[in-house]
C-alpha atoms as a PDB file:
ATOM      1  CA  UNK A   1      24.534 -13.622  -0.790  1.00  0.00           C
ATOM      2  CA  UNK A   2      23.833 -15.445   2.438  1.00  0.00           C
ATOM      3  CA  UNK A   3      21.614 -18.527   2.382  1.00  0.00           C
ATOM      4  CA  UNK A   4      18.670 -18.588   4.752  1.00  0.00           C
ATOM      5  CA  UNK A   5      19.047 -20.981   7.653  1.00  0.00           C
ATOM      6  CA  UNK A   6      16.407 -23.714   7.888  1.00  0.00           C
ATOM      7  CA  UNK A   7      13.605 -22.584  10.160  1.00  0.00           C
ATOM      8  CA  UNK A   8      14.527 -18.907   9.833  1.00  0.00           C
ATOM      9  CA  UNK A   9      11.317 -16.902   9.393  1.00  0.00           C
ATOM     10  CA  UNK A  10      11.213 -14.887   6.185  1.00  0.00           C
ATOM     11  CA  UNK A  11       9.672 -11.424   6.363  1.00  0.00           C
ATOM     12  CA  UNK A  12       6.813 -11.230   3.836  1.00  0.00           C
ATOM     13  CA  UNK A  13       5.416  -7.705   4.080  1.00  0.00           C
ATOM     14  CA  UNK A  14       1.648  -7.406   3.852  1.00  0.00           C
ATOM     15  CA  UNK A  15       0.460  -4.709   1.472  1.00  0.00           C
ATOM     16  CA  UNK A  16      -3.081  -3.329   1.535  1.00  0.00           C
ATOM     17  CA  UNK A  17      -3.995  -2.320  -2.038  1.00  0.00           C
ATOM     18  CA  UNK A  18      -6.912   0.098  -2.340  1.00  0.00           C
ATOM     19  CA  UNK A  19      -8.376   0.738  -5.792  1.00  0.00           C
ATOM     20  CA  UNK A  20     -11.942   0.801  -7.077  1.00  0.00           C
ATOM     21  CA  UNK A  21     -10.783  -0.992 -10.250  1.00  0.00           C
ATOM     22  CA  UNK A  22     -10.553  -4.726  -9.428  1.00  0.00           C
ATOM     23  CA  UNK A  23      -8.186  -5.321 -12.353  1.00  0.00           C
ATOM     24  CA  UNK A  24      -5.621  -2.966 -10.791  1.00  0.00           C
ATOM     25  CA  UNK A  25      -5.653  -4.876  -7.501  1.00  0.00           C
ATOM     26  CA  UNK A  26      -5.420  -8.194  -9.366  1.00  0.00           C
ATOM     27  CA  UNK A  27      -2.491  -6.906 -11.438  1.00  0.00           C
ATOM     28  CA  UNK A  28      -0.687  -5.664  -8.317  1.00  0.00           C
ATOM     29  CA  UNK A  29      -1.204  -9.098  -6.731  1.00  0.00           C
ATOM     30  CA  UNK A  30       0.186 -10.879  -9.821  1.00  0.00           C
ATOM     31  CA  UNK A  31       3.269  -8.655  -9.780  1.00  0.00           C
ATOM     32  CA  UNK A  32       4.043  -8.475  -6.062  1.00  0.00           C
ATOM     33  CA  UNK A  33       3.179 -11.910  -4.655  1.00  0.00           C
ATOM     34  CA  UNK A  34       6.095 -13.515  -6.566  1.00  0.00           C
ATOM     35  CA  UNK A  35       8.271 -10.695  -5.181  1.00  0.00           C
ATOM     36  CA  UNK A  36       7.521 -11.888  -1.631  1.00  0.00           C
ATOM     37  CA  UNK A  37       4.539  -9.756  -0.612  1.00  0.00           C
ATOM     38  CA  UNK A  38       1.231 -10.780   0.918  1.00  0.00           C
ATOM     39  CA  UNK A  39      -1.572  -8.790  -0.732  1.00  0.00           C
ATOM     40  CA  UNK A  40      -4.896  -7.739   0.764  1.00  0.00           C
ATOM     41  CA  UNK A  41      -7.223  -5.842  -1.585  1.00  0.00           C
ATOM     42  CA  UNK A  42      -9.973  -3.328  -0.836  1.00  0.00           C
ATOM     43  CA  UNK A  43     -12.237  -1.706  -3.419  1.00  0.00           C
ATOM     44  CA  UNK A  44     -12.806   1.501  -1.453  1.00  0.00           C
ATOM     45  CA  UNK A  45     -11.190   3.658   1.196  1.00  0.00           C
ATOM     46  CA  UNK A  46     -14.086   2.820   3.518  1.00  0.00           C
ATOM     47  CA  UNK A  47     -13.414  -0.916   3.187  1.00  0.00           C
ATOM     48  CA  UNK A  48      -9.685  -0.301   3.627  1.00  0.00           C
ATOM     49  CA  UNK A  49     -10.248   1.583   6.871  1.00  0.00           C
ATOM     50  CA  UNK A  50     -12.360  -1.290   8.209  1.00  0.00           C
ATOM     51  CA  UNK A  51      -9.585  -3.748   7.299  1.00  0.00           C
ATOM     52  CA  UNK A  52      -6.934  -1.543   8.898  1.00  0.00           C
ATOM     53  CA  UNK A  53      -8.920  -1.276  12.124  1.00  0.00           C
ATOM     54  CA  UNK A  54      -9.360  -5.056  12.185  1.00  0.00           C
ATOM     55  CA  UNK A  55      -5.941  -6.109  10.872  1.00  0.00           C
ATOM     56  CA  UNK A  56      -3.674  -3.136  11.669  1.00  0.00           C
ATOM     57  CA  UNK A  57      -1.048  -5.291  13.350  1.00  0.00           C
ATOM     58  CA  UNK A  58      -0.886  -7.462  10.231  1.00  0.00           C
ATOM     59  CA  UNK A  59      -0.666  -4.759   7.537  1.00  0.00           C
ATOM     60  CA  UNK A  60       2.779  -3.345   6.875  1.00  0.00           C
ATOM     61  CA  UNK A  61       2.106  -0.790   4.150  1.00  0.00           C
ATOM     62  CA  UNK A  62      -0.642   0.904   2.163  1.00  0.00           C
ATOM     63  CA  UNK A  63      -0.919   1.423  -1.602  1.00  0.00           C
ATOM     64  CA  UNK A  64      -3.964   3.509  -2.499  1.00  0.00           C
ATOM     65  CA  UNK A  65      -5.417   5.243  -5.502  1.00  0.00           C
ATOM     66  CA  UNK A  66      -6.341   8.869  -4.800  1.00  0.00           C
ATOM     67  CA  UNK A  67      -9.623   9.138  -6.697  1.00  0.00           C
ATOM     68  CA  UNK A  68     -12.272   6.660  -5.586  1.00  0.00           C
ATOM     69  CA  UNK A  69     -16.007   6.741  -4.955  1.00  0.00           C
ATOM     70  CA  UNK A  70     -17.408   6.465  -1.455  1.00  0.00           C
ATOM     71  CA  UNK A  71     -17.563   8.609   1.647  1.00  0.00           C
ATOM     72  CA  UNK A  72     -13.764   8.924   1.641  1.00  0.00           C
ATOM     73  CA  UNK A  73     -11.187   9.026  -1.155  1.00  0.00           C
ATOM     74  CA  UNK A  74      -7.601   7.796  -1.108  1.00  0.00           C
ATOM     75  CA  UNK A  75      -6.222  11.174  -0.023  1.00  0.00           C
ATOM     76  CA  UNK A  76      -8.490  11.242   3.016  1.00  0.00           C
ATOM     77  CA  UNK A  77      -7.536   7.634   3.757  1.00  0.00           C
ATOM     78  CA  UNK A  78      -3.823   8.498   3.543  1.00  0.00           C
ATOM     79  CA  UNK A  79      -4.282  11.427   5.940  1.00  0.00           C
ATOM     80  CA  UNK A  80      -6.205   9.240   8.391  1.00  0.00           C
ATOM     81  CA  UNK A  81      -3.632   6.420   8.239  1.00  0.00           C
ATOM     82  CA  UNK A  82      -0.813   8.919   8.874  1.00  0.00           C
ATOM     83  CA  UNK A  83      -2.513  10.040  12.071  1.00  0.00           C
ATOM     84  CA  UNK A  84      -3.631   6.642  13.381  1.00  0.00           C
ATOM     85  CA  UNK A  85      -0.711   4.493  12.197  1.00  0.00           C
ATOM     86  CA  UNK A  86       2.170   6.965  11.836  1.00  0.00           C
ATOM     87  CA  UNK A  87       4.788   4.270  11.203  1.00  0.00           C
ATOM     88  CA  UNK A  88       2.922   2.729   8.252  1.00  0.00           C
ATOM     89  CA  UNK A  89       4.479   3.639   4.895  1.00  0.00           C
ATOM     90  CA  UNK A  90       2.005   4.902   2.307  1.00  0.00           C
ATOM     91  CA  UNK A  91       2.197   4.942  -1.470  1.00  0.00           C
ATOM     92  CA  UNK A  92      -0.467   6.914  -3.334  1.00  0.00           C
ATOM     93  CA  UNK A  93      -1.119   6.543  -7.035  1.00  0.00           C
ATOM     94  CA  UNK A  94      -3.078   8.626  -9.492  1.00  0.00           C
ATOM     95  CA  UNK A  95      -3.205   9.630 -13.107  1.00  0.00           C
ATOM     96  CA  UNK A  96      -4.947  12.886 -12.264  1.00  0.00           C
ATOM     97  CA  UNK A  97      -3.608  14.311  -9.025  1.00  0.00           C
ATOM     98  CA  UNK A  98      -0.456  14.526  -6.946  1.00  0.00           C
ATOM     99  CA  UNK A  99      -0.246  14.304  -3.153  1.00  0.00           C
ATOM    100  CA  UNK A 100      -0.081  18.110  -2.900  1.00  0.00           C
ATOM    101  CA  UNK A 101      -3.060  18.783  -5.196  1.00  0.00           C
ATOM    102  CA  UNK A 102      -5.049  16.124  -3.315  1.00  0.00           C
ATOM    103  CA  UNK A 103      -4.292  17.821   0.046  1.00  0.00           C
ATOM    104  CA  UNK A 104      -2.344  14.912   1.492  1.00  0.00           C
ATOM    105  CA  UNK A 105      -0.773  16.348   4.628  1.00  0.00           C
ATOM    106  CA  UNK A 106       1.805  13.667   5.393  1.00  0.00           C
ATOM    107  CA  UNK A 107       4.830  12.164   3.744  1.00  0.00           C
ATOM    108  CA  UNK A 108       3.906   9.582   1.127  1.00  0.00           C
ATOM    109  CA  UNK A 109       5.554   8.043  -1.898  1.00  0.00           C
ATOM    110  CA  UNK A 110       3.828   8.997  -5.159  1.00  0.00           C
ATOM    111  CA  UNK A 111       3.376   6.521  -8.013  1.00  0.00           C
ATOM    112  CA  UNK A 112       1.964   8.180 -11.153  1.00  0.00           C
ATOM    113  CA  UNK A 113      -0.517   6.204 -13.252  1.00  0.00           C
ATOM    114  CA  UNK A 114      -0.004   4.571 -15.606  1.00  0.00           C
ATOM    115  CA  UNK A 115       2.968   2.942 -13.920  1.00  0.00           C
ATOM    116  CA  UNK A 116       5.248   0.225 -15.205  1.00  0.00           C
ATOM    117  CA  UNK A 117       5.890  -3.058 -13.428  1.00  0.00           C
ATOM    118  CA  UNK A 118       9.394  -1.877 -12.555  1.00  0.00           C
ATOM    119  CA  UNK A 119       8.099   1.407 -11.116  1.00  0.00           C
ATOM    120  CA  UNK A 120       5.612  -0.475  -8.918  1.00  0.00           C
ATOM    121  CA  UNK A 121       8.226  -2.914  -7.649  1.00  0.00           C
ATOM    122  CA  UNK A 122      10.725  -0.100  -6.988  1.00  0.00           C
ATOM    123  CA  UNK A 123       8.149   2.012  -5.128  1.00  0.00           C
ATOM    124  CA  UNK A 124       6.950  -0.842  -2.930  1.00  0.00           C
ATOM    125  CA  UNK A 125      10.437  -2.177  -2.219  1.00  0.00           C
ATOM    126  CA  UNK A 126      11.556   1.369  -1.455  1.00  0.00           C
ATOM    127  CA  UNK A 127       9.206   1.586   1.507  1.00  0.00           C
ATOM    128  CA  UNK A 128       8.558  -2.057   2.448  1.00  0.00           C
ATOM    129  CA  UNK A 129      11.887  -2.934   3.938  1.00  0.00           C
ATOM    130  CA  UNK A 130      12.050   0.167   6.088  1.00  0.00           C
ATOM    131  CA  UNK A 131       9.230  -1.242   8.255  1.00  0.00           C
ATOM    132  CA  UNK A 132       9.405  -3.564  11.232  1.00  0.00           C
ATOM    133  CA  UNK A 133       7.848  -6.962  10.490  1.00  0.00           C
ATOM    134  CA  UNK A 134       4.351  -7.271  11.928  1.00  0.00           C
ATOM    135  CA  UNK A 135       3.812  -9.677  14.784  1.00  0.00           C
END
């Protein structure tokens, strides 16, 4: 393993976590921040879209629940993100639906609920390091 050179910037991907259950977002933060991720949380797809529009250059990937209250659910958010930010990797999670039953029309990684810590880390790492670091 190669040691980092002093002053070499370290890529810390920023993950937008979207779930209407605050404990889920807190748990994701507790797991992934020590793994080298910056976490931004949103409690609805509507809030997430606002954050993406404001911070799109600073968000590297999206992790969203499918079923959520509001004018838009996670499936609709995933479809919108695919169109507006086609290079952003998306992970969807649900204990009730799959991407196909939720009418997600783009390629996403699926994380079934309940997930284990290892499954979460594997899913996020599987897509995170295929992205270009944000400016």
